[in-house]
C-alpha atoms as a PDB file:
ATOM      1  CA  MET A   1     131.675  86.899 112.582  1.00  0.00           C
ATOM      2  CA  ALA A   2     130.377  90.276 111.663  1.00  0.00           C
ATOM      3  CA  TRP A   3     130.426  93.297 114.752  1.00  0.00           C
ATOM      4  CA  ARG A   4     127.205  93.777 113.276  1.00  0.00           C
ATOM      5  CA  ASP A   5     125.261  90.549 114.279  1.00  0.00           C
ATOM      6  CA  SER A   6     127.183  90.504 117.585  1.00  0.00           C
ATOM      7  CA  TYR A   7     127.947  93.176 119.061  1.00  0.00           C
ATOM      8  CA  LEU A   8     124.592  93.698 120.949  1.00  0.00           C
ATOM      9  CA  ASP A   9     125.744  90.252 122.460  1.00  0.00           C
ATOM     10  CA  VAL A  10     129.552  91.992 123.428  1.00  0.00           C
ATOM     11  CA  LEU A  11     128.023  95.169 125.293  1.00  0.00           C
ATOM     12  CA  LEU A  12     124.356  94.089 126.923  1.00  0.00           C
ATOM     13  CA  ILE A  13     125.327  90.412 128.175  1.00  0.00           C
ATOM     14  CA  PRO A  14     128.570  91.844 130.059  1.00  0.00           C
ATOM     15  CA  ILE A  15     126.639  94.714 131.640  1.00  0.00           C
ATOM     16  CA  GLY A  16     124.034  92.319 132.592  1.00  0.00           C
ATOM     17  CA  LEU A  17     127.067  90.566 135.014  1.00  0.00           C
ATOM     18  CA  LEU A  18     128.343  93.352 135.986  1.00  0.00           C
ATOM     19  CA  PHE A  19     125.354  94.920 137.531  1.00  0.00           C
ATOM     20  CA  PRO A  20     124.498  92.092 140.147  1.00  0.00           C
ATOM     21  CA  ALA A  21     128.832  91.668 140.571  1.00  0.00           C
ATOM     22  CA  VAL A  22     129.082  95.056 141.704  1.00  0.00           C
ATOM     23  CA  TYR A  23     126.215  94.465 143.894  1.00  0.00           C
ATOM     24  CA  HIS A  24     127.582  91.669 145.688  1.00  0.00           C
ATOM     25  CA  LEU A  25     130.917  93.148 145.551  1.00  0.00           C
ATOM     26  CA  TRP A  26     129.277  96.426 147.772  1.00  0.00           C
ATOM     27  CA  LEU A  27     127.089  94.019 150.055  1.00  0.00           C
ATOM     28  CA  TRP A  28     130.248  92.283 150.937  1.00  0.00           C
ATOM     29  CA  HIS A  29     131.868  95.773 152.189  1.00  0.00           C
ATOM     30  CA  VAL A  30     128.693  96.636 153.715  1.00  0.00           C
ATOM     31  CA  VAL A  31     128.424  93.296 155.857  1.00  0.00           C
ATOM     32  CA  ARG A  32     132.590  93.435 156.678  1.00  0.00           C
ATOM     33  CA  LEU A  33     132.165  97.108 157.781  1.00  0.00           C
ATOM     34  CA  ARG A  34     128.450  97.494 159.084  1.00  0.00           C
ATOM     35  CA  PRO A  35     127.482  93.838 159.652  1.00  0.00           C
ATOM     36  CA  LEU A  36     123.950  94.702 161.861  1.00  0.00           C
ATOM     37  CA  ARG A  37     122.645  97.304 159.016  1.00  0.00           C
ATOM     38  CA  SER A  38     122.468  93.954 156.388  1.00  0.00           C
ATOM     39  CA  ALA A  39     119.916  91.265 156.962  1.00  0.00           C
ATOM     40  CA  VAL A  40     122.955  88.828 155.830  1.00  0.00           C
ATOM     41  CA  GLY A  41     124.763  89.913 159.323  1.00  0.00           C
ATOM     42  CA  ILE A  42     121.497  90.171 161.346  1.00  0.00           C
ATOM     43  CA  SER A  43     120.904  86.409 160.399  1.00  0.00           C
ATOM     44  CA  ALA A  44     124.846  85.391 161.224  1.00  0.00           C
ATOM     45  CA  ALA A  45     124.398  86.984 164.620  1.00  0.00           C
ATOM     46  CA  SER A  46     120.944  85.502 165.585  1.00  0.00           C
ATOM     47  CA  ARG A  47     122.632  81.848 164.149  1.00  0.00           C
ATOM     48  CA  ARG A  48     125.377  82.412 166.492  1.00  0.00           C
ATOM     49  CA  LEU A  49     122.969  83.350 169.332  1.00  0.00           C
ATOM     50  CA  TRP A  50     120.779  80.467 168.467  1.00  0.00           C
ATOM     51  CA  VAL A  51     123.717  77.730 168.389  1.00  0.00           C
ATOM     52  CA  SER A  52     124.377  78.900 171.713  1.00  0.00           C
ATOM     53  CA  GLY A  53     120.856  78.328 172.913  1.00  0.00           C
ATOM     54  CA  MET A  54     119.994  75.415 171.604  1.00  0.00           C
ATOM     55  CA  MET A  55     123.130  73.696 172.804  1.00  0.00           C
ATOM     56  CA  LYS A  56     122.422  75.322 176.765  1.00  0.00           C
ATOM     57  CA  ASP A  57     119.289  72.664 176.711  1.00  0.00           C
ATOM     58  CA  ASN A  58     119.728  70.132 174.307  1.00  0.00           C
ATOM     59  CA  ASP A  59     117.626  67.876 176.193  1.00  0.00           C
ATOM     60  CA  LYS A  60     114.334  69.459 174.873  1.00  0.00           C
ATOM     61  CA  LYS A  61     115.779  71.016 171.921  1.00  0.00           C
ATOM     62  CA  ALA A  62     117.727  68.575 170.432  1.00  0.00           C
ATOM     63  CA  VAL A  63     114.436  67.488 167.892  1.00  0.00           C
ATOM     64  CA  LEU A  64     114.095  71.383 167.390  1.00  0.00           C
ATOM     65  CA  VAL A  65     117.415  71.442 166.141  1.00  0.00           C
ATOM     66  CA  VAL A  66     117.305  68.730 163.740  1.00  0.00           C
ATOM     67  CA  GLN A  67     113.829  70.212 162.395  1.00  0.00           C
ATOM     68  CA  SER A  68     114.823  73.315 161.795  1.00  0.00           C
ATOM     69  CA  LEU A  69     118.648  72.388 159.755  1.00  0.00           C
ATOM     70  CA  ARG A  70     116.134  70.110 158.004  1.00  0.00           C
ATOM     71  CA  ASN A  71     114.266  72.513 156.537  1.00  0.00           C
ATOM     72  CA  VAL A  72     116.874  74.721 155.223  1.00  0.00           C
ATOM     73  CA  ILE A  73     118.469  71.494 153.922  1.00  0.00           C
ATOM     74  CA  MET A  74     115.163  71.130 151.870  1.00  0.00           C
ATOM     75  CA  GLY A  75     115.303  74.497 150.437  1.00  0.00           C
ATOM     76  CA  SER A  76     119.177  74.072 149.501  1.00  0.00           C
ATOM     77  CA  THR A  77     118.497  70.144 148.022  1.00  0.00           C
ATOM     78  CA  LEU A  78     115.232  72.186 146.162  1.00  0.00           C
ATOM     79  CA  VAL A  79     117.635  74.823 144.655  1.00  0.00           C
ATOM     80  CA  ALA A  80     119.951  72.192 143.905  1.00  0.00           C
ATOM     81  CA  THR A  81     117.606  69.713 142.372  1.00  0.00           C
ATOM     82  CA  THR A  82     116.426  72.554 139.680  1.00  0.00           C
ATOM     83  CA  SER A  83     120.128  73.589 138.535  1.00  0.00           C
ATOM     84  CA  ILE A  84     120.885  69.975 137.777  1.00  0.00           C
ATOM     85  CA  LEU A  85     117.150  69.888 135.697  1.00  0.00           C
ATOM     86  CA  PHE A  86     118.145  72.948 134.055  1.00  0.00           C
ATOM     87  CA  CYS A  87     122.067  71.552 133.621  1.00  0.00           C
ATOM     88  CA  THR A  88     120.311  68.458 131.944  1.00  0.00           C
ATOM     89  CA  GLY A  89     117.628  70.676 129.312  1.00  0.00           C
ATOM     90  CA  VAL A  90     120.804  72.687 128.537  1.00  0.00           C
ATOM     91  CA  ALA A  91     122.461  69.807 127.574  1.00  0.00           C
ATOM     92  CA  ALA A  92     119.820  68.572 125.826  1.00  0.00           C
ATOM     93  CA  VAL A  93     119.021  71.259 123.554  1.00  0.00           C
ATOM     94  CA  LEU A  94     123.069  71.647 123.314  1.00  0.00           C
ATOM     95  CA  SER A  95     122.874  67.964 121.054  1.00  0.00           C
ATOM     96  CA  SER A  96     119.695  68.149 119.520  1.00  0.00           C
ATOM     97  CA  THR A  97     119.748  67.917 116.284  1.00  0.00           C
ATOM     98  CA  TYR A  98     115.951  69.510 115.797  1.00  0.00           C
ATOM     99  CA  ALA A  99     115.224  72.524 113.912  1.00  0.00           C
ATOM    100  CA  ILE A 100     114.063  74.510 117.144  1.00  0.00           C
ATOM    101  CA  LYS A 101     117.489  75.803 117.177  1.00  0.00           C
ATOM    102  CA  HIS A 102     117.177  77.368 113.983  1.00  0.00           C
ATOM    103  CA  THR A 103     114.019  78.941 114.820  1.00  0.00           C
ATOM    104  CA  PHE A 104     115.891  80.621 117.708  1.00  0.00           C
ATOM    105  CA  ASN A 105     118.447  81.836 115.430  1.00  0.00           C
ATOM    106  CA  ASP A 106     116.130  83.541 112.474  1.00  0.00           C
ATOM    107  CA  ALA A 107     113.625  85.165 115.659  1.00  0.00           C
ATOM    108  CA  VAL A 108     115.961  86.899 117.712  1.00  0.00           C
ATOM    109  CA  PHE A 109     118.684  89.697 117.713  1.00  0.00           C
ATOM    110  CA  GLY A 110     122.066  89.237 118.647  1.00  0.00           C
ATOM    111  CA  ALA A 111     124.927  86.917 117.465  1.00  0.00           C
ATOM    112  CA  HIS A 112     124.126  83.644 115.659  1.00  0.00           C
ATOM    113  CA  GLY A 113     125.890  80.579 114.766  1.00  0.00           C
ATOM    114  CA  GLU A 114     127.847  76.978 116.319  1.00  0.00           C
ATOM    115  CA  PHE A 115     130.203  79.024 118.085  1.00  0.00           C
ATOM    116  CA  VAL A 116     127.458  81.557 119.765  1.00  0.00           C
ATOM    117  CA  ALA A 117     125.435  78.718 120.425  1.00  0.00           C
ATOM    118  CA  ALA A 118     128.287  76.656 122.386  1.00  0.00           C
ATOM    119  CA  LEU A 119     128.927  80.038 124.619  1.00  0.00           C
ATOM    120  CA  LYS A 120     125.940  80.637 125.594  1.00  0.00           C
ATOM    121  CA  TYR A 121     124.709  77.304 126.753  1.00  0.00           C
ATOM    122  CA  GLY A 122     128.739  76.646 128.226  1.00  0.00           C
ATOM    123  CA  ILE A 123     127.805  79.542 130.235  1.00  0.00           C
ATOM    124  CA  LEU A 124     124.591  78.529 131.495  1.00  0.00           C
ATOM    125  CA  LEU A 125     126.011  75.391 132.689  1.00  0.00           C
ATOM    126  CA  LEU A 126     128.958  77.163 134.182  1.00  0.00           C
ATOM    127  CA  PHE A 127     126.949  79.085 136.307  1.00  0.00           C
ATOM    128  CA  PHE A 128     123.961  76.581 137.510  1.00  0.00           C
ATOM    129  CA  LEU A 129     126.651  74.133 138.203  1.00  0.00           C
ATOM    130  CA  LEU A 130     128.632  76.022 140.364  1.00  0.00           C
ATOM    131  CA  ALA A 131     125.271  76.860 142.050  1.00  0.00           C
ATOM    132  CA  PHE A 132     124.686  72.741 142.384  1.00  0.00           C
ATOM    133  CA  LEU A 133     128.300  72.535 143.729  1.00  0.00           C
ATOM    134  CA  CYS A 134     127.701  75.241 146.239  1.00  0.00           C
ATOM    135  CA  HIS A 135     124.452  73.927 147.556  1.00  0.00           C
ATOM    136  CA  SER A 136     125.689  70.817 147.659  1.00  0.00           C
ATOM    137  CA  LEU A 137     128.993  71.552 150.170  1.00  0.00           C
ATOM    138  CA  ALA A 138     126.054  73.461 152.135  1.00  0.00           C
ATOM    139  CA  ILE A 139     123.888  70.795 152.886  1.00  0.00           C
ATOM    140  CA  CYS A 140     127.196  68.778 154.199  1.00  0.00           C
ATOM    141  CA  SER A 141     128.220  71.610 156.267  1.00  0.00           C
ATOM    142  CA  LEU A 142     124.525  71.640 157.500  1.00  0.00           C
ATOM    143  CA  ASN A 143     124.848  68.117 158.534  1.00  0.00           C
ATOM    144  CA  GLN A 144     128.181  68.239 160.184  1.00  0.00           C
ATOM    145  CA  ALA A 145     126.089  71.160 162.426  1.00  0.00           C
ATOM    146  CA  GLY A 146     123.503  69.401 163.282  1.00  0.00           C
ATOM    147  CA  PHE A 147     125.438  66.221 163.965  1.00  0.00           C
ATOM    148  CA  LEU A 148     127.903  68.606 166.287  1.00  0.00           C
ATOM    149  CA  ILE A 149     125.369  70.753 168.493  1.00  0.00           C
ATOM    150  CA  ASN A 150     123.480  67.579 169.224  1.00  0.00           C
ATOM    151  CA  ALA A 151     126.790  65.462 170.027  1.00  0.00           C
ATOM    152  CA  LEU A 152     128.343  68.273 172.085  1.00  0.00           C
ATOM    153  CA  SER A 153     125.906  69.816 173.874  1.00  0.00           C
ATOM    154  CA  PRO A 154     126.900  70.149 177.862  1.00  0.00           C
ATOM    155  CA  SER A 155     123.990  67.275 178.788  1.00  0.00           C
ATOM    156  CA  SER A 156     125.763  64.574 176.133  1.00  0.00           C
ATOM    157  CA  PRO A 157     127.285  61.363 176.962  1.00  0.00           C
ATOM    158  CA  ALA A 158     130.318  63.368 174.316  1.00  0.00           C
ATOM    159  CA  ALA A 159     131.107  66.269 176.142  1.00  0.00           C
ATOM    160  CA  ALA A 160     132.716  64.227 178.705  1.00  0.00           C
ATOM    161  CA  LEU A 161     135.138  63.872 175.663  1.00  0.00           C
ATOM    162  CA  HIS A 162     137.033  67.058 175.817  1.00  0.00           C
ATOM    163  CA  ILE A 163     137.763  68.359 172.347  1.00  0.00           C
ATOM    164  CA  PRO A 164     139.787  71.214 172.842  1.00  0.00           C
ATOM    165  CA  VAL A 165     139.323  72.579 169.091  1.00  0.00           C
ATOM    166  CA  VAL A 166     135.514  71.318 168.908  1.00  0.00           C
ATOM    167  CA  THR A 167     133.702  74.633 170.309  1.00  0.00           C
ATOM    168  CA  ARG A 168     130.706  76.510 170.463  1.00  0.00           C
ATOM    169  CA  GLU A 169     132.328  78.777 167.997  1.00  0.00           C
ATOM    170  CA  TYR A 170     133.644  76.012 165.674  1.00  0.00           C
ATOM    171  CA  ILE A 171     130.305  74.871 165.458  1.00  0.00           C
ATOM    172  CA  ALA A 172     128.909  78.129 165.239  1.00  0.00           C
ATOM    173  CA  ASP A 173     131.625  78.635 162.040  1.00  0.00           C
ATOM    174  CA  VAL A 174     130.602  75.067 160.526  1.00  0.00           C
ATOM    175  CA  LEU A 175     126.778  76.498 160.509  1.00  0.00           C
ATOM    176  CA  GLU A 176     127.859  79.864 159.033  1.00  0.00           C
ATOM    177  CA  ARG A 177     129.999  78.370 156.276  1.00  0.00           C
ATOM    178  CA  GLY A 178     126.785  76.105 155.490  1.00  0.00           C
ATOM    179  CA  PHE A 179     124.468  79.350 155.305  1.00  0.00           C
ATOM    180  CA  LEU A 180     127.230  81.278 153.155  1.00  0.00           C
ATOM    181  CA  LEU A 181     127.271  78.591 150.926  1.00  0.00           C
ATOM    182  CA  SER A 182     123.541  78.159 150.232  1.00  0.00           C
ATOM    183  CA  LEU A 183     123.417  82.378 149.868  1.00  0.00           C
ATOM    184  CA  ALA A 184     126.671  82.139 147.195  1.00  0.00           C
ATOM    185  CA  GLY A 185     124.176  79.302 145.365  1.00  0.00           C
ATOM    186  CA  ASN A 186     120.767  81.014 145.725  1.00  0.00           C
ATOM    187  CA  ARG A 187     123.187  83.868 144.378  1.00  0.00           C
ATOM    188  CA  LEU A 188     124.200  82.049 141.530  1.00  0.00           C
ATOM    189  CA  PHE A 189     120.898  80.463 140.894  1.00  0.00           C
ATOM    190  CA  PHE A 190     119.732  84.144 140.449  1.00  0.00           C
ATOM    191  CA  ALA A 191     122.355  85.126 138.284  1.00  0.00           C
ATOM    192  CA  GLY A 192     122.299  82.135 135.762  1.00  0.00           C
ATOM    193  CA  ALA A 193     118.388  81.951 135.539  1.00  0.00           C
ATOM    194  CA  PRO A 194     118.165  85.621 133.456  1.00  0.00           C
ATOM    195  CA  LEU A 195     120.903  84.169 131.013  1.00  0.00           C
ATOM    196  CA  LEU A 196     118.404  82.026 129.970  1.00  0.00           C
ATOM    197  CA  LEU A 197     116.379  84.272 128.246  1.00  0.00           C
ATOM    198  CA  TRP A 198     119.666  84.534 126.461  1.00  0.00           C
ATOM    199  CA  VAL A 199     118.397  82.289 123.587  1.00  0.00           C
ATOM    200  CA  PHE A 200     115.631  84.703 122.978  1.00  0.00           C
ATOM    201  CA  GLY A 201     118.425  87.112 122.743  1.00  0.00           C
ATOM    202  CA  PRO A 202     120.997  89.745 124.758  1.00  0.00           C
ATOM    203  CA  VAL A 203     118.439  92.117 125.530  1.00  0.00           C
ATOM    204  CA  LEU A 204     115.815  90.197 127.942  1.00  0.00           C
ATOM    205  CA  PRO A 205     118.837  88.955 129.941  1.00  0.00           C
ATOM    206  CA  CYS A 206     120.503  92.509 130.244  1.00  0.00           C
ATOM    207  CA  LEU A 207     116.911  93.818 131.822  1.00  0.00           C
ATOM    208  CA  CYS A 208     116.461  90.880 133.774  1.00  0.00           C
ATOM    209  CA  SER A 209     119.579  91.597 135.651  1.00  0.00           C
ATOM    210  CA  MET A 210     119.481  94.891 136.387  1.00  0.00           C
ATOM    211  CA  ALA A 211     115.613  94.592 137.159  1.00  0.00           C
ATOM    212  CA  VAL A 212     117.301  91.521 139.989  1.00  0.00           C
ATOM    213  CA  VAL A 213     119.541  94.013 141.723  1.00  0.00           C
ATOM    214  CA  PRO A 214     116.985  96.511 143.240  1.00  0.00           C
ATOM    215  CA  ILE A 215     114.869  93.429 144.415  1.00  0.00           C
ATOM    216  CA  LEU A 216     117.664  91.998 145.741  1.00  0.00           C
ATOM    217  CA  TYR A 217     118.804  95.367 147.674  1.00  0.00           C
ATOM    218  CA  HIS A 218     115.443  95.338 149.294  1.00  0.00           C
ATOM    219  CA  ILE A 219     115.500  91.549 150.674  1.00  0.00           C
ATOM    220  CA  ASP A 220     119.621  92.220 151.671  1.00  0.00           C
ATOM    221  CA  MET A 221     119.373  95.511 153.319  1.00  0.00           C
ATOM    222  CA  ALA A 222     118.054  96.065 157.045  1.00  0.00           C
ATOM    223  CA  VAL A 223     118.624  99.298 157.512  1.00  0.00           C
ATOM    224  CA  PRO A 224     118.669 101.556 154.613  1.00  0.00           C
ATOM    225  CA  ALA A 225     121.681 103.470 152.939  1.00  0.00           C
ATOM    226  CA  GLY A 226     119.797 106.954 153.966  1.00  0.00           C
ATOM    227  CA  ASP A 227     119.791 105.813 157.850  1.00  0.00           C
ATOM    228  CA  GLY A 228     121.677 108.631 159.735  1.00  0.00           C
ATOM    229  CA  SER A 229     121.509 105.738 162.741  1.00  0.00           C
ATOM    230  CA  ARG A 230     124.901 104.257 163.018  1.00  0.00           C
ATOM    231  CA  SER A 231     124.216 102.273 166.371  1.00  0.00           C
ATOM    232  CA  ALA A 232     122.594  99.905 164.240  1.00  0.00           C
ATOM    233  CA  GLY A 233     125.235  99.367 161.738  1.00  0.00           C
ATOM    234  CA  GLU A 234     128.405 100.203 163.239  1.00  0.00           C
ATOM    235  CA  ALA A 235     130.973  97.548 162.959  1.00  0.00           C
ATOM    236  CA  GLY A 236     130.941  94.455 165.213  1.00  0.00           C
ATOM    237  CA  GLY A 237     127.182  95.649 166.436  1.00  0.00           C
ATOM    238  CA  LYS A 238     126.305  94.864 170.167  1.00  0.00           C
ATOM    239  CA  VAL A 239     122.929  92.065 169.324  1.00  0.00           C
ATOM    240  CA  VAL A 240     121.017  92.994 172.755  1.00  0.00           C
ATOM    241  CA  MET A 241     118.865  89.896 173.609  1.00  0.00           C
ATOM    242  CA  GLU A 242     115.838  89.884 175.578  1.00  0.00           C
ATOM    243  CA  ASN A 243     117.602  89.197 179.381  1.00  0.00           C
ATOM    244  CA  GLY A 244     119.534  93.113 179.208  1.00  0.00           C
ATOM    245  CA  ASN A 245     122.727  91.134 177.907  1.00  0.00           C
ATOM    246  CA  THR A 246     124.465  91.838 174.775  1.00  0.00           C
ATOM    247  CA  ASP A 247     126.757  89.607 172.623  1.00  0.00           C
ATOM    248  CA  GLN A 248     129.952  91.286 170.831  1.00  0.00           C
ATOM    249  CA  SER A 249     129.678  88.910 167.918  1.00  0.00           C
ATOM    250  CA  SER A 250     132.078  88.909 165.387  1.00  0.00           C
ATOM    251  CA  LEU A 251     130.787  87.974 161.577  1.00  0.00           C
ATOM    252  CA  PRO A 252     133.283  86.095 159.728  1.00  0.00           C
ATOM    253  CA  VAL A 253     133.007  87.029 155.759  1.00  0.00           C
END
């Protein structure tokens, strides 16, 4: 394959993948150091408080626990189903003998040929299969958390069974694992979606991947990076509750 046919793919596709990767490494660093500066850290601390509140008065809130987790599971199920549908469509196009593939090759910039086509579709399958795997594991963790919250609440008969390992902190960790897997699946899905445009050339997926980064930044950050206030984003920052008490929740990442 000549360099003049493939240099756009070699340059633009890695750049398009590099921007989201660097952004998420930076986001992981921010969540580790100042969790309450990001929406990810605030949501994690809020979920730990939510688990504690649901277990204290579980007789009245058992249905609320099931309904809340059901809504999250429905979202993960939707994205997992969409990922599998994309995988099925990519596999159908890859194994197709129709002339549509030749039409794409004649109409777009970048590299052509059987190897490049297999590479494009293989990378797409990898992203969407990983997104499906993450959401499937997230659904398992969320279901497990729902069982633990309702079965091991103080008012439940099962609470009389002393299981030293199963504590509120453990249940919160199981719930947090499910949400982190769901977040990872969503981000893999968002990274794979622009690559669908790769069939039309490497320019569009690169531009779309770069455009997604500022959108994710405004979604993920609760405190702007230039804000001089440190109290809202300190590592291990305190979560202030309505009664004036504080919770020094650690956020596992």
